[in-house]
Amino acid sequence: MSFGILITIVSVISQAFIWIVIISSLLSFFLPPYHPVREALDRIVAPFLIPIRRIVPLAGTLDFSPLILIIAVQLLTGILINILRTL
């Protein structure tokens, strides 16, 4: 049984989420916190960043939680795709 379509769906969703995290991080430099676009992106990304921010302290003024989230999403996607390929 081939799970090619499911692998493609998982890959597309993870890439879209990674781009949302990147865009949200970049917009945080340029838009005020109460801008509608930034608020919408924060509603998507913040539930995943908050637990990471509790564990990883800030490095001065730098917040590495988006980078950690991106790495975690890529790792989990890779593991899930490998599991689907072996089925």
Protein backbone atom coordinates (compact mmCIF):
# COMPACT_ATOMS: atom_id res chain seq x y z
CA MET A 1 0.00 0.00 0.00
CA SER A 2 1.38 3.38 -1.01
CA PHE A 3 0.97 6.41 1.19
CA GLY A 4 2.33 8.86 -1.40
CA ILE A 5 -0.58 11.26 -1.19
CA LEU A 6 -0.47 11.29 2.61
CA ILE A 7 3.29 11.89 2.54
CA THR A 8 2.76 14.81 0.16
CA ILE A 9 0.03 16.29 2.38
CA VAL A 10 2.21 16.03 5.49
CA SER A 11 5.12 17.62 3.64
CA VAL A 12 3.03 20.52 2.28
CA ILE A 13 1.41 21.23 5.65
CA SER A 14 4.75 21.23 7.46
CA GLN A 15 6.35 23.52 4.86
CA ALA A 16 3.39 25.91 5.04
CA PHE A 17 3.65 26.00 8.83
CA ILE A 18 7.39 26.65 8.66
CA TRP A 19 6.79 29.58 6.31
CA ILE A 20 4.13 30.94 8.66
CA VAL A 21 6.64 30.81 11.53
CA ILE A 22 9.27 32.58 9.42
CA ILE A 23 6.86 35.28 8.24
CA SER A 24 5.56 35.80 11.77
CA SER A 25 9.11 36.19 13.08
CA LEU A 26 10.06 38.66 10.37
CA LEU A 27 6.90 40.73 10.75
CA SER A 28 7.55 41.06 14.47
CA PHE A 29 10.43 43.39 13.55
CA PHE A 30 8.32 45.66 11.36
CA LEU A 31 4.69 45.60 12.52
CA PRO A 32 3.27 46.64 15.88
CA PRO A 33 1.95 43.82 18.08
CA TYR A 34 -1.69 44.80 17.51
CA HIS A 35 -1.56 44.85 13.71
CA PRO A 36 -4.31 42.51 12.35
CA VAL A 37 -1.93 40.48 10.18
CA ARG A 38 0.50 39.96 13.03
CA GLU A 39 -2.32 39.07 15.43
CA ALA A 40 -3.62 36.45 12.98
CA LEU A 41 -0.20 34.88 12.56
CA ASP A 42 0.42 34.97 16.31
CA ARG A 43 -2.82 33.06 16.91
CA ILE A 44 -1.43 30.27 14.74
CA VAL A 45 2.19 30.26 15.95
CA ALA A 46 2.00 31.34 19.61
CA PRO A 47 0.52 28.09 21.00
CA PHE A 48 3.60 26.27 19.72
CA LEU A 49 6.13 28.91 20.75
CA ILE A 50 4.93 29.47 24.31
CA PRO A 51 6.06 26.04 25.66
CA ILE A 52 9.44 26.47 23.97
CA ARG A 53 9.84 29.94 25.47
CA ARG A 54 9.19 28.51 28.93
CA ILE A 55 12.10 26.10 28.51
CA VAL A 56 14.61 28.12 26.47
CA PRO A 57 15.65 31.44 27.98
CA LEU A 58 16.17 34.54 25.87
CA ALA A 59 19.72 35.16 24.68
CA GLY A 60 19.91 38.87 25.33
CA THR A 61 17.28 40.32 23.05
CA LEU A 62 17.27 37.33 20.69
CA ASP A 63 14.47 34.79 20.78
CA PHE A 64 15.54 31.41 19.41
CA SER A 65 12.15 29.74 19.96
CA PRO A 66 11.05 30.12 16.28
CA LEU A 67 14.27 28.44 15.15
CA ILE A 68 13.76 25.61 17.63
CA LEU A 69 10.15 25.24 16.48
CA ILE A 70 11.22 25.03 12.84
CA ILE A 71 13.83 22.38 13.63
CA ALA A 72 11.30 20.39 15.67
CA VAL A 73 8.71 20.53 12.87
CA GLN A 74 11.29 19.37 10.35
CA LEU A 75 12.39 16.50 12.60
CA LEU A 76 8.85 15.38 13.30
CA THR A 77 7.95 15.62 9.62
CA GLY A 78 10.95 13.54 8.66
CA ILE A 79 10.12 10.89 11.24
CA LEU A 80 6.46 10.78 10.19
CA ILE A 81 7.34 10.52 6.51
CA ASN A 82 9.81 7.70 7.20
CA ILE A 83 7.17 5.85 9.20
CA LEU A 84 4.65 6.27 6.37
CA ARG A 85 7.19 5.01 3.82
CA THR A 86 7.81 1.82 5.80
CA LEU A 87 4.11 0.96 6.04
